[in-house]
PDB file of N, CA and C in Angstrom:
ATOM      1  N   MET A   1       3.936   8.144 -19.207  1.00  0.00           N
ATOM      2  CA  MET A   1       3.380   9.481 -19.151  1.00  0.00           C
ATOM      3  C   MET A   1       3.282  10.123 -20.536  1.00  0.00           C
ATOM      4  N   SER A   2       4.100   9.705 -21.468  1.00  0.00           N
ATOM      5  CA  SER A   2       4.002  10.324 -22.792  1.00  0.00           C
ATOM      6  C   SER A   2       2.649  10.044 -23.437  1.00  0.00           C
ATOM      7  N   ALA A   3       2.031   8.895 -23.115  1.00  0.00           N
ATOM      8  CA  ALA A   3       0.694   8.601 -23.638  1.00  0.00           C
ATOM      9  C   ALA A   3      -0.314   9.609 -23.090  1.00  0.00           C
ATOM     10  N   LEU A   4      -0.172   9.975 -21.824  1.00  0.00           N
ATOM     11  CA  LEU A   4      -1.058  10.980 -21.225  1.00  0.00           C
ATOM     12  C   LEU A   4      -0.879  12.316 -21.933  1.00  0.00           C
ATOM     13  N   ARG A   5       0.347  12.703 -22.164  1.00  0.00           N
ATOM     14  CA  ARG A   5       0.614  13.968 -22.848  1.00  0.00           C
ATOM     15  C   ARG A   5      -0.055  13.972 -24.223  1.00  0.00           C
ATOM     16  N   GLU A   6       0.106  12.898 -24.964  1.00  0.00           N
ATOM     17  CA  GLU A   6      -0.512  12.808 -26.289  1.00  0.00           C
ATOM     18  C   GLU A   6      -2.037  12.855 -26.192  1.00  0.00           C
ATOM     19  N   ASN A   7      -2.600  12.180 -25.199  1.00  0.00           N
ATOM     20  CA  ASN A   7      -4.044  12.183 -24.997  1.00  0.00           C
ATOM     21  C   ASN A   7      -4.543  13.604 -24.704  1.00  0.00           C
ATOM     22  N   VAL A   8      -3.829  14.314 -23.849  1.00  0.00           N
ATOM     23  CA  VAL A   8      -4.209  15.688 -23.505  1.00  0.00           C
ATOM     24  C   VAL A   8      -4.130  16.585 -24.727  1.00  0.00           C
ATOM     25  N   LEU A   9      -3.083  16.424 -25.523  1.00  0.00           N
ATOM     26  CA  LEU A   9      -2.976  17.236 -26.737  1.00  0.00           C
ATOM     27  C   LEU A   9      -4.128  16.935 -27.697  1.00  0.00           C
ATOM     28  N   LYS A  10      -4.585  15.670 -27.739  1.00  0.00           N
ATOM     29  CA  LYS A  10      -5.762  15.333 -28.563  1.00  0.00           C
ATOM     30  C   LYS A  10      -7.008  16.003 -27.994  1.00  0.00           C
ATOM     31  N   MET A  11      -7.156  15.988 -26.659  1.00  0.00           N
ATOM     32  CA  MET A  11      -8.315  16.633 -26.033  1.00  0.00           C
ATOM     33  C   MET A  11      -8.364  18.115 -26.384  1.00  0.00           C
ATOM     34  N   LEU A  12      -7.213  18.745 -26.347  1.00  0.00           N
ATOM     35  CA  LEU A  12      -7.147  20.183 -26.612  1.00  0.00           C
ATOM     36  C   LEU A  12      -7.246  20.482 -28.105  1.00  0.00           C
ATOM     37  N   GLY A  13      -6.847  19.526 -28.926  1.00  0.00           N
ATOM     38  CA  GLY A  13      -6.992  19.648 -30.380  1.00  0.00           C
ATOM     39  C   GLY A  13      -6.418  20.920 -30.958  1.00  0.00           C
ATOM     40  N   GLU A  14      -7.237  21.571 -31.767  1.00  0.00           N
ATOM     41  CA  GLU A  14      -6.805  22.766 -32.504  1.00  0.00           C
ATOM     42  C   GLU A  14      -6.628  23.998 -31.609  1.00  0.00           C
ATOM     43  N   THR A  15      -7.009  23.869 -30.337  1.00  0.00           N
ATOM     44  CA  THR A  15      -6.869  25.027 -29.450  1.00  0.00           C
ATOM     45  C   THR A  15      -5.416  25.228 -29.008  1.00  0.00           C
ATOM     46  N   VAL A  16      -4.551  24.244 -29.272  1.00  0.00           N
ATOM     47  CA  VAL A  16      -3.139  24.361 -28.906  1.00  0.00           C
ATOM     48  C   VAL A  16      -2.426  25.161 -29.981  1.00  0.00           C
ATOM     49  N   THR A  17      -1.808  26.259 -29.565  1.00  0.00           N
ATOM     50  CA  THR A  17      -1.082  27.091 -30.524  1.00  0.00           C
ATOM     51  C   THR A  17       0.400  26.761 -30.548  1.00  0.00           C
ATOM     52  N   ASP A  18       0.919  26.179 -29.470  1.00  0.00           N
ATOM     53  CA  ASP A  18       2.335  25.813 -29.414  1.00  0.00           C
ATOM     54  C   ASP A  18       2.465  24.637 -28.469  1.00  0.00           C
ATOM     55  N   LYS A  19       2.901  23.487 -28.968  1.00  0.00           N
ATOM     56  CA  LYS A  19       2.969  22.261 -28.183  1.00  0.00           C
ATOM     57  C   LYS A  19       4.318  22.041 -27.513  1.00  0.00           C
ATOM     58  N   ALA A  20       5.300  22.828 -27.832  1.00  0.00           N
ATOM     59  CA  ALA A  20       6.642  22.527 -27.346  1.00  0.00           C
ATOM     60  C   ALA A  20       7.312  23.739 -26.713  1.00  0.00           C
ATOM     61  N   VAL A  21       6.615  24.420 -25.847  1.00  0.00           N
ATOM     62  CA  VAL A  21       7.215  25.541 -25.141  1.00  0.00           C
ATOM     63  C   VAL A  21       8.009  24.956 -23.976  1.00  0.00           C
ATOM     64  N   ASN A  22       9.317  24.985 -24.072  1.00  0.00           N
ATOM     65  CA  ASN A  22      10.164  24.414 -23.032  1.00  0.00           C
ATOM     66  C   ASN A  22      10.575  25.526 -22.079  1.00  0.00           C
ATOM     67  N   LEU A  23       9.996  25.531 -20.891  1.00  0.00           N
ATOM     68  CA  LEU A  23      10.269  26.571 -19.908  1.00  0.00           C
ATOM     69  C   LEU A  23      10.899  25.926 -18.663  1.00  0.00           C
ATOM     70  N   PRO A  24      12.212  25.893 -18.579  1.00  0.00           N
ATOM     71  CA  PRO A  24      12.850  25.233 -17.431  1.00  0.00           C
ATOM     72  C   PRO A  24      12.845  26.130 -16.188  1.00  0.00           C
ATOM     73  N   SER A  25      11.669  26.486 -15.738  1.00  0.00           N
ATOM     74  CA  SER A  25      11.548  27.360 -14.580  1.00  0.00           C
ATOM     75  C   SER A  25      10.962  26.597 -13.403  1.00  0.00           C
ATOM     76  N   ARG A  26      11.017  27.207 -12.225  1.00  0.00           N
ATOM     77  CA  ARG A  26      10.437  26.585 -11.032  1.00  0.00           C
ATOM     78  C   ARG A  26       8.947  26.339 -11.207  1.00  0.00           C
ATOM     79  N   SER A  27       8.256  27.270 -11.822  1.00  0.00           N
ATOM     80  CA  SER A  27       6.811  27.106 -12.014  1.00  0.00           C
ATOM     81  C   SER A  27       6.497  25.889 -12.864  1.00  0.00           C
ATOM     82  N   VAL A  28       7.241  25.705 -13.937  1.00  0.00           N
ATOM     83  CA  VAL A  28       6.977  24.582 -14.818  1.00  0.00           C
ATOM     84  C   VAL A  28       7.347  23.262 -14.143  1.00  0.00           C
ATOM     85  N   TYR A  29       8.454  23.226 -13.379  1.00  0.00           N
ATOM     86  CA  TYR A  29       8.777  22.014 -12.616  1.00  0.00           C
ATOM     87  C   TYR A  29       7.620  21.666 -11.688  1.00  0.00           C
ATOM     88  N   THR A  30       6.995  22.682 -11.132  1.00  0.00           N
ATOM     89  CA  THR A  30       5.901  22.462 -10.196  1.00  0.00           C
ATOM     90  C   THR A  30       4.632  22.004 -10.905  1.00  0.00           C
ATOM     91  N   LEU A  31       4.342  22.578 -12.053  1.00  0.00           N
ATOM     92  CA  LEU A  31       3.048  22.369 -12.694  1.00  0.00           C
ATOM     93  C   LEU A  31       3.021  21.301 -13.781  1.00  0.00           C
ATOM     94  N   SER A  32       4.154  20.895 -14.303  1.00  0.00           N
ATOM     95  CA  SER A  32       4.148  19.971 -15.432  1.00  0.00           C
ATOM     96  C   SER A  32       5.136  18.831 -15.245  1.00  0.00           C
ATOM     97  N   PRO A  33       4.680  17.593 -15.394  1.00  0.00           N
ATOM     98  CA  PRO A  33       5.610  16.470 -15.283  1.00  0.00           C
ATOM     99  C   PRO A  33       6.603  16.411 -16.435  1.00  0.00           C
ATOM    100  N   TYR A  34       6.385  17.188 -17.478  1.00  0.00           N
ATOM    101  CA  TYR A  34       7.269  17.177 -18.638  1.00  0.00           C
ATOM    102  C   TYR A  34       8.145  18.409 -18.742  1.00  0.00           C
ATOM    103  N   ARG A  35       8.010  19.344 -17.818  1.00  0.00           N
ATOM    104  CA  ARG A  35       8.671  20.632 -17.921  1.00  0.00           C
ATOM    105  C   ARG A  35       8.266  21.325 -19.216  1.00  0.00           C
ATOM    106  N   LEU A  36       7.081  21.023 -19.702  1.00  0.00           N
ATOM    107  CA  LEU A  36       6.559  21.613 -20.924  1.00  0.00           C
ATOM    108  C   LEU A  36       5.202  22.233 -20.654  1.00  0.00           C
ATOM    109  N   VAL A  37       4.920  23.293 -21.356  1.00  0.00           N
ATOM    110  CA  VAL A  37       3.628  23.957 -21.233  1.00  0.00           C
ATOM    111  C   VAL A  37       3.101  24.187 -22.644  1.00  0.00           C
ATOM    112  N   ALA A  38       1.873  23.783 -22.888  1.00  0.00           N
ATOM    113  CA  ALA A  38       1.243  24.035 -24.191  1.00  0.00           C
ATOM    114  C   ALA A  38       0.472  25.342 -24.111  1.00  0.00           C
ATOM    115  N   LYS A  39       0.665  26.189 -25.084  1.00  0.00           N
ATOM    116  CA  LYS A  39      -0.131  27.415 -25.165  1.00  0.00           C
ATOM    117  C   LYS A  39      -1.441  27.085 -25.866  1.00  0.00           C
ATOM    118  N   ILE A  40      -2.540  27.572 -25.296  1.00  0.00           N
ATOM    119  CA  ILE A  40      -3.853  27.296 -25.888  1.00  0.00           C
ATOM    120  C   ILE A  40      -4.605  28.594 -26.144  1.00  0.00           C
ATOM    121  N   THR A  41      -5.578  28.496 -27.021  1.00  0.00           N
ATOM    122  CA  THR A  41      -6.438  29.643 -27.322  1.00  0.00           C
ATOM    123  C   THR A  41      -7.500  29.760 -26.225  1.00  0.00           C
ATOM    124  N   ASP A  42      -8.275  30.823 -26.289  1.00  0.00           N
ATOM    125  CA  ASP A  42      -9.368  31.000 -25.328  1.00  0.00           C
ATOM    126  C   ASP A  42     -10.374  29.852 -25.399  1.00  0.00           C
ATOM    127  N   ASP A  43     -10.582  29.283 -26.583  1.00  0.00           N
ATOM    128  CA  ASP A  43     -11.512  28.151 -26.729  1.00  0.00           C
ATOM    129  C   ASP A  43     -11.028  26.923 -25.960  1.00  0.00           C
ATOM    130  N   GLY A  44      -9.732  26.817 -25.761  1.00  0.00           N
ATOM    131  CA  GLY A  44      -9.184  25.678 -25.027  1.00  0.00           C
ATOM    132  C   GLY A  44      -9.470  25.726 -23.543  1.00  0.00           C
ATOM    133  N   ILE A  45      -9.767  26.899 -23.024  1.00  0.00           N
ATOM    134  CA  ILE A  45     -10.028  27.055 -21.591  1.00  0.00           C
ATOM    135  C   ILE A  45     -11.187  26.167 -21.144  1.00  0.00           C
ATOM    136  N   GLU A  46     -12.228  26.062 -21.961  1.00  0.00           N
ATOM    137  CA  GLU A  46     -13.387  25.240 -21.569  1.00  0.00           C
ATOM    138  C   GLU A  46     -13.037  23.751 -21.508  1.00  0.00           C
ATOM    139  N   LYS A  47     -11.921  23.351 -22.093  1.00  0.00           N
ATOM    140  CA  LYS A  47     -11.504  21.950 -22.071  1.00  0.00           C
ATOM    141  C   LYS A  47     -10.612  21.615 -20.873  1.00  0.00           C
ATOM    142  N   ILE A  48     -10.231  22.633 -20.116  1.00  0.00           N
ATOM    143  CA  ILE A  48      -9.314  22.429 -18.984  1.00  0.00           C
ATOM    144  C   ILE A  48      -9.868  21.456 -17.938  1.00  0.00           C
ATOM    145  N   PRO A  49     -11.152  21.488 -17.560  1.00  0.00           N
ATOM    146  CA  PRO A  49     -11.642  20.493 -16.588  1.00  0.00           C
ATOM    147  C   PRO A  49     -11.414  19.048 -17.047  1.00  0.00           C
ATOM    148  N   GLU A  50     -11.641  18.779 -18.314  1.00  0.00           N
ATOM    149  CA  GLU A  50     -11.412  17.430 -18.855  1.00  0.00           C
ATOM    150  C   GLU A  50      -9.927  17.065 -18.777  1.00  0.00           C
ATOM    151  N   VAL A  51      -9.067  18.025 -19.103  1.00  0.00           N
ATOM    152  CA  VAL A  51      -7.621  17.802 -19.036  1.00  0.00           C
ATOM    153  C   VAL A  51      -7.200  17.559 -17.592  1.00  0.00           C
ATOM    154  N   LEU A  52      -7.714  18.368 -16.676  1.00  0.00           N
ATOM    155  CA  LEU A  52      -7.368  18.184 -15.260  1.00  0.00           C
ATOM    156  C   LEU A  52      -7.801  16.820 -14.752  1.00  0.00           C
ATOM    157  N   ASN A  53      -8.978  16.368 -15.154  1.00  0.00           N
ATOM    158  CA  ASN A  53      -9.424  15.034 -14.755  1.00  0.00           C
ATOM    159  C   ASN A  53      -8.474  13.954 -15.254  1.00  0.00           C
ATOM    160  N   ALA A  54      -7.974  14.107 -16.470  1.00  0.00           N
ATOM    161  CA  ALA A  54      -7.024  13.135 -17.018  1.00  0.00           C
ATOM    162  C   ALA A  54      -5.734  13.130 -16.202  1.00  0.00           C
ATOM    163  N   TYR A  55      -5.221  14.323 -15.888  1.00  0.00           N
ATOM    164  CA  TYR A  55      -3.993  14.416 -15.101  1.00  0.00           C
ATOM    165  C   TYR A  55      -4.196  13.900 -13.677  1.00  0.00           C
ATOM    166  N   ILE A  56      -5.308  14.248 -13.068  1.00  0.00           N
ATOM    167  CA  ILE A  56      -5.578  13.782 -11.698  1.00  0.00           C
ATOM    168  C   ILE A  56      -5.664  12.261 -11.673  1.00  0.00           C
ATOM    169  N   GLY A  57      -6.348  11.679 -12.638  1.00  0.00           N
ATOM    170  CA  GLY A  57      -6.426  10.219 -12.720  1.00  0.00           C
ATOM    171  C   GLY A  57      -5.053   9.583 -12.883  1.00  0.00           C
ATOM    172  N   ALA A  58      -4.210  10.201 -13.718  1.00  0.00           N
ATOM    173  CA  ALA A  58      -2.857   9.675 -13.926  1.00  0.00           C
ATOM    174  C   ALA A  58      -2.029   9.780 -12.654  1.00  0.00           C
ATOM    175  N   TYR A  59      -2.136  10.911 -11.953  1.00  0.00           N
ATOM    176  CA  TYR A  59      -1.384  11.079 -10.713  1.00  0.00           C
ATOM    177  C   TYR A  59      -1.843  10.081  -9.649  1.00  0.00           C
ATOM    178  N   ILE A  60      -3.143   9.838  -9.561  1.00  0.00           N
ATOM    179  CA  ILE A  60      -3.649   8.856  -8.587  1.00  0.00           C
ATOM    180  C   ILE A  60      -3.100   7.471  -8.915  1.00  0.00           C
ATOM    181  N   ALA A  61      -3.118   7.105 -10.182  1.00  0.00           N
ATOM    182  CA  ALA A  61      -2.587   5.798 -10.589  1.00  0.00           C
ATOM    183  C   ALA A  61      -1.095   5.691 -10.269  1.00  0.00           C
ATOM    184  N   LEU A  62      -0.355   6.755 -10.524  1.00  0.00           N
ATOM    185  CA  LEU A  62       1.077   6.743 -10.205  1.00  0.00           C
ATOM    186  C   LEU A  62       1.307   6.660  -8.701  1.00  0.00           C
ATOM    187  N   TRP A  63       0.518   7.378  -7.945  1.00  0.00           N
ATOM    188  CA  TRP A  63       0.646   7.385  -6.497  1.00  0.00           C
ATOM    189  C   TRP A  63       0.402   5.978  -5.941  1.00  0.00           C
ATOM    190  N   GLU A  64      -0.609   5.303  -6.467  1.00  0.00           N
ATOM    191  CA  GLU A  64      -0.947   3.970  -5.979  1.00  0.00           C
ATOM    192  C   GLU A  64       0.148   2.940  -6.253  1.00  0.00           C
ATOM    193  N   LYS A  65       0.946   3.142  -7.287  1.00  0.00           N
ATOM    194  CA  LYS A  65       2.015   2.180  -7.576  1.00  0.00           C
ATOM    195  C   LYS A  65       3.413   2.752  -7.320  1.00  0.00           C
ATOM    196  N   ALA A  66       3.474   3.831  -6.570  1.00  0.00           N
ATOM    197  CA  ALA A  66       4.752   4.483  -6.289  1.00  0.00           C
ATOM    198  C   ALA A  66       5.664   3.601  -5.448  1.00  0.00           C
ATOM    199  N   SER A  67       6.953   3.743  -5.701  1.00  0.00           N
ATOM    200  CA  SER A  67       7.970   3.060  -4.895  1.00  0.00           C
ATOM    201  C   SER A  67       9.191   3.974  -4.815  1.00  0.00           C
ATOM    202  N   ARG A  68      10.115   3.625  -3.957  1.00  0.00           N
ATOM    203  CA  ARG A  68      11.320   4.441  -3.807  1.00  0.00           C
ATOM    204  C   ARG A  68      12.109   4.467  -5.115  1.00  0.00           C
ATOM    205  N   LEU A  69      12.683   5.613  -5.410  1.00  0.00           N
ATOM    206  CA  LEU A  69      13.508   5.754  -6.602  1.00  0.00           C
ATOM    207  C   LEU A  69      14.956   5.399  -6.280  1.00  0.00           C
ATOM    208  N   ASP A  70      15.566   4.636  -7.157  1.00  0.00           N
ATOM    209  CA  ASP A  70      16.998   4.374  -7.028  1.00  0.00           C
ATOM    210  C   ASP A  70      17.749   5.592  -7.523  1.00  0.00           C
ATOM    211  N   ASP A  71      19.006   5.731  -7.114  1.00  0.00           N
ATOM    212  CA  ASP A  71      19.816   6.834  -7.610  1.00  0.00           C
ATOM    213  C   ASP A  71      19.868   6.772  -9.132  1.00  0.00           C
ATOM    214  N   GLY A  72      19.740   7.930  -9.747  1.00  0.00           N
ATOM    215  CA  GLY A  72      19.748   8.005 -11.206  1.00  0.00           C
ATOM    216  C   GLY A  72      19.016   9.236 -11.677  1.00  0.00           C
ATOM    217  N   PRO A  73      18.784   9.340 -12.976  1.00  0.00           N
ATOM    218  CA  PRO A  73      18.162  10.548 -13.532  1.00  0.00           C
ATOM    219  C   PRO A  73      16.755  10.820 -13.025  1.00  0.00           C
ATOM    220  N   GLU A  74      15.944   9.761 -12.839  1.00  0.00           N
ATOM    221  CA  GLU A  74      14.579   9.980 -12.345  1.00  0.00           C
ATOM    222  C   GLU A  74      14.596  10.549 -10.935  1.00  0.00           C
ATOM    223  N   LYS A  75      15.480  10.031 -10.090  1.00  0.00           N
ATOM    224  CA  LYS A  75      15.565  10.538  -8.721  1.00  0.00           C
ATOM    225  C   LYS A  75      16.070  11.978  -8.721  1.00  0.00           C
ATOM    226  N   GLN A  76      17.053  12.262  -9.567  1.00  0.00           N
ATOM    227  CA  GLN A  76      17.570  13.631  -9.639  1.00  0.00           C
ATOM    228  C   GLN A  76      16.499  14.601 -10.113  1.00  0.00           C
ATOM    229  N   PHE A  77      15.696  14.186 -11.109  1.00  0.00           N
ATOM    230  CA  PHE A  77      14.591  15.027 -11.582  1.00  0.00           C
ATOM    231  C   PHE A  77      13.603  15.275 -10.444  1.00  0.00           C
ATOM    232  N   TYR A  78      13.266  14.225  -9.715  1.00  0.00           N
ATOM    233  CA  TYR A  78      12.349  14.346  -8.577  1.00  0.00           C
ATOM    234  C   TYR A  78      12.891  15.340  -7.552  1.00  0.00           C
ATOM    235  N   LEU A  79      14.161  15.204  -7.197  1.00  0.00           N
ATOM    236  CA  LEU A  79      14.750  16.088  -6.185  1.00  0.00           C
ATOM    237  C   LEU A  79      14.792  17.536  -6.668  1.00  0.00           C
ATOM    238  N   THR A  80      15.093  17.724  -7.948  1.00  0.00           N
ATOM    239  CA  THR A  80      15.109  19.080  -8.516  1.00  0.00           C
ATOM    240  C   THR A  80      13.702  19.676  -8.492  1.00  0.00           C
ATOM    241  N   LYS A  81      12.712  18.865  -8.875  1.00  0.00           N
ATOM    242  CA  LYS A  81      11.322  19.335  -8.884  1.00  0.00           C
ATOM    243  C   LYS A  81      10.858  19.649  -7.463  1.00  0.00           C
ATOM    244  N   LYS A  82      11.207  18.791  -6.513  1.00  0.00           N
ATOM    245  CA  LYS A  82      10.819  19.007  -5.111  1.00  0.00           C
ATOM    246  C   LYS A  82      11.420  20.311  -4.587  1.00  0.00           C
ATOM    247  N   ALA A  83      12.704  20.530  -4.853  1.00  0.00           N
ATOM    248  CA  ALA A  83      13.361  21.761  -4.396  1.00  0.00           C
ATOM    249  C   ALA A  83      12.740  22.989  -5.055  1.00  0.00           C
ATOM    250  N   ALA A  84      12.436  22.898  -6.341  1.00  0.00           N
ATOM    251  CA  ALA A  84      11.829  24.025  -7.055  1.00  0.00           C
ATOM    252  C   ALA A  84      10.440  24.327  -6.513  1.00  0.00           C
ATOM    253  N   THR A  85       9.679  23.293  -6.219  1.00  0.00           N
ATOM    254  CA  THR A  85       8.333  23.476  -5.677  1.00  0.00           C
ATOM    255  C   THR A  85       8.392  24.153  -4.324  1.00  0.00           C
ATOM    256  N   ARG A  86       9.283  23.677  -3.457  1.00  0.00           N
ATOM    257  CA  ARG A  86       9.415  24.286  -2.133  1.00  0.00           C
ATOM    258  C   ARG A  86       9.824  25.748  -2.233  1.00  0.00           C
ATOM    259  N   LYS A  87      10.780  26.032  -3.092  1.00  0.00           N
ATOM    260  CA  LYS A  87      11.256  27.407  -3.248  1.00  0.00           C
ATOM    261  C   LYS A  87      10.133  28.306  -3.766  1.00  0.00           C
ATOM    262  N   LEU A  88       9.366  27.803  -4.721  1.00  0.00           N
ATOM    263  CA  LEU A  88       8.249  28.565  -5.272  1.00  0.00           C
ATOM    264  C   LEU A  88       7.178  28.830  -4.211  1.00  0.00           C
ATOM    265  N   MET A  89       6.846  27.806  -3.436  1.00  0.00           N
ATOM    266  CA  MET A  89       5.827  27.965  -2.393  1.00  0.00           C
ATOM    267  C   MET A  89       6.279  28.974  -1.339  1.00  0.00           C
ATOM    268  N   LYS A  90       7.524  28.868  -0.904  1.00  0.00           N
ATOM    269  CA  LYS A  90       8.043  29.812   0.098  1.00  0.00           C
ATOM    270  C   LYS A  90       8.057  31.236  -0.455  1.00  0.00           C
ATOM    271  N   ALA A  91       8.528  31.388  -1.684  1.00  0.00           N
ATOM    272  CA  ALA A  91       8.660  32.713  -2.279  1.00  0.00           C
ATOM    273  C   ALA A  91       7.314  33.402  -2.459  1.00  0.00           C
ATOM    274  N   ASN A  92       6.257  32.618  -2.626  1.00  0.00           N
ATOM    275  CA  ASN A  92       4.940  33.202  -2.877  1.00  0.00           C
ATOM    276  C   ASN A  92       4.039  33.241  -1.650  1.00  0.00           C
ATOM    277  N   ASP A  93       4.560  32.839  -0.515  1.00  0.00           N
ATOM    278  CA  ASP A  93       3.749  32.877   0.703  1.00  0.00           C
ATOM    279  C   ASP A  93       3.756  34.295   1.260  1.00  0.00           C
ATOM    280  N   PRO A  94       2.583  34.930   1.325  1.00  0.00           N
ATOM    281  CA  PRO A  94       2.536  36.321   1.778  1.00  0.00           C
ATOM    282  C   PRO A  94       2.900  36.499   3.249  1.00  0.00           C
ATOM    283  N   GLY A  95       2.896  35.437   4.028  1.00  0.00           N
ATOM    284  CA  GLY A  95       3.210  35.554   5.442  1.00  0.00           C
ATOM    285  C   GLY A  95       4.676  35.473   5.773  1.00  0.00           C
ATOM    286  N   TYR A  96       5.518  35.133   4.800  1.00  0.00           N
ATOM    287  CA  TYR A  96       6.941  34.921   5.076  1.00  0.00           C
ATOM    288  C   TYR A  96       7.609  36.162   5.671  1.00  0.00           C
ATOM    289  N   ALA A  97       7.463  37.288   5.012  1.00  0.00           N
ATOM    290  CA  ALA A  97       8.110  38.527   5.496  1.00  0.00           C
ATOM    291  C   ALA A  97       7.580  38.920   6.874  1.00  0.00           C
ATOM    292  N   PHE A  98       6.276  38.783   7.058  1.00  0.00           N
ATOM    293  CA  PHE A  98       5.670  39.098   8.353  1.00  0.00           C
ATOM    294  C   PHE A  98       6.258  38.211   9.448  1.00  0.00           C
ATOM    295  N   MET A  99       6.367  36.923   9.168  1.00  0.00           N
ATOM    296  CA  MET A  99       6.891  35.987  10.160  1.00  0.00           C
ATOM    297  C   MET A  99       8.352  36.283  10.494  1.00  0.00           C
ATOM    298  N   ILE A 100       9.137  36.705   9.513  1.00  0.00           N
ATOM    299  CA  ILE A 100      10.529  37.077   9.792  1.00  0.00           C
ATOM    300  C   ILE A 100      10.558  38.245  10.763  1.00  0.00           C
ATOM    301  N   ASP A 101       9.692  39.233  10.547  1.00  0.00           N
ATOM    302  CA  ASP A 101       9.629  40.383  11.450  1.00  0.00           C
ATOM    303  C   ASP A 101       9.256  39.968  12.873  1.00  0.00           C
ATOM    304  N   VAL A 102       8.363  39.009  12.992  1.00  0.00           N
ATOM    305  CA  VAL A 102       7.869  38.603  14.305  1.00  0.00           C
ATOM    306  C   VAL A 102       8.788  37.583  14.986  1.00  0.00           C
ATOM    307  N   PHE A 103       9.207  36.559  14.249  1.00  0.00           N
ATOM    308  CA  PHE A 103       9.927  35.431  14.853  1.00  0.00           C
ATOM    309  C   PHE A 103      11.407  35.369  14.512  1.00  0.00           C
ATOM    310  N   GLY A 104      11.851  36.195  13.578  1.00  0.00           N
ATOM    311  CA  GLY A 104      13.245  36.155  13.149  1.00  0.00           C
ATOM    312  C   GLY A 104      13.422  35.212  11.968  1.00  0.00           C
ATOM    313  N   GLU A 105      14.505  35.429  11.232  1.00  0.00           N
ATOM    314  CA  GLU A 105      14.722  34.663  10.002  1.00  0.00           C
ATOM    315  C   GLU A 105      14.991  33.182  10.267  1.00  0.00           C
ATOM    316  N   GLU A 106      15.778  32.870  11.293  1.00  0.00           N
ATOM    317  CA  GLU A 106      16.122  31.470  11.558  1.00  0.00           C
ATOM    318  C   GLU A 106      14.895  30.637  11.925  1.00  0.00           C
ATOM    319  N   SER A 107      14.063  31.152  12.837  1.00  0.00           N
ATOM    320  CA  SER A 107      12.854  30.423  13.235  1.00  0.00           C
ATOM    321  C   SER A 107      11.874  30.301  12.078  1.00  0.00           C
ATOM    322  N   THR A 108      11.716  31.377  11.324  1.00  0.00           N
ATOM    323  CA  THR A 108      10.806  31.360  10.182  1.00  0.00           C
ATOM    324  C   THR A 108      11.270  30.345   9.150  1.00  0.00           C
ATOM    325  N   LYS A 109      12.567  30.312   8.889  1.00  0.00           N
ATOM    326  CA  LYS A 109      13.108  29.348   7.927  1.00  0.00           C
ATOM    327  C   LYS A 109      12.815  27.922   8.379  1.00  0.00           C
ATOM    328  N   LYS A 110      12.970  27.635   9.658  1.00  0.00           N
ATOM    329  CA  LYS A 110      12.687  26.290  10.177  1.00  0.00           C
ATOM    330  C   LYS A 110      11.216  25.926   9.987  1.00  0.00           C
ATOM    331  N   VAL A 111      10.329  26.878  10.285  1.00  0.00           N
ATOM    332  CA  VAL A 111       8.896  26.620  10.120  1.00  0.00           C
ATOM    333  C   VAL A 111       8.569  26.358   8.662  1.00  0.00           C
ATOM    334  N   PHE A 112       9.055  27.215   7.763  1.00  0.00           N
ATOM    335  CA  PHE A 112       8.745  27.058   6.349  1.00  0.00           C
ATOM    336  C   PHE A 112       9.376  25.796   5.775  1.00  0.00           C
ATOM    337  N   ASP A 113      10.548  25.407   6.261  1.00  0.00           N
ATOM    338  CA  ASP A 113      11.150  24.151   5.813  1.00  0.00           C
ATOM    339  C   ASP A 113      10.313  22.956   6.251  1.00  0.00           C
ATOM    340  N   SER A 114       9.680  23.076   7.419  1.00  0.00           N
ATOM    341  CA  SER A 114       8.811  21.992   7.902  1.00  0.00           C
ATOM    342  C   SER A 114       7.512  21.934   7.100  1.00  0.00           C
ATOM    343  N   VAL A 115       6.955  23.096   6.814  1.00  0.00           N
ATOM    344  CA  VAL A 115       5.678  23.157   6.112  1.00  0.00           C
ATOM    345  C   VAL A 115       5.845  22.808   4.635  1.00  0.00           C
ATOM    346  N   PHE A 116       6.871  23.366   4.022  1.00  0.00           N
ATOM    347  CA  PHE A 116       7.069  23.153   2.589  1.00  0.00           C
ATOM    348  C   PHE A 116       8.202  22.178   2.386  1.00  0.00           C
TER     349      PHE A 116
END
């Protein structure tokens, strides 16, 4: 994956203002395989479709050769990222509070745990 990161930074070129913003937040776990976010200028926005295509291609290739992870740092990273993604999705779902009012917290939690 580091080759992909380097390729993306080349695609973005001079539009990257900061290549090493380390943001250990739920959003970054969800959006970046490196827990890193590059800040770009407005000119870099037009390059985002090309970058997304590179990432989508990489994810498809990884998906096609995926296998179970053995216990270790990679599995722990995966589990942390999965938990962060679920928490982020639940926290940002506008229907959560409404569903608690209608169905109660326990039932709503079960539904959201199934969905996310």
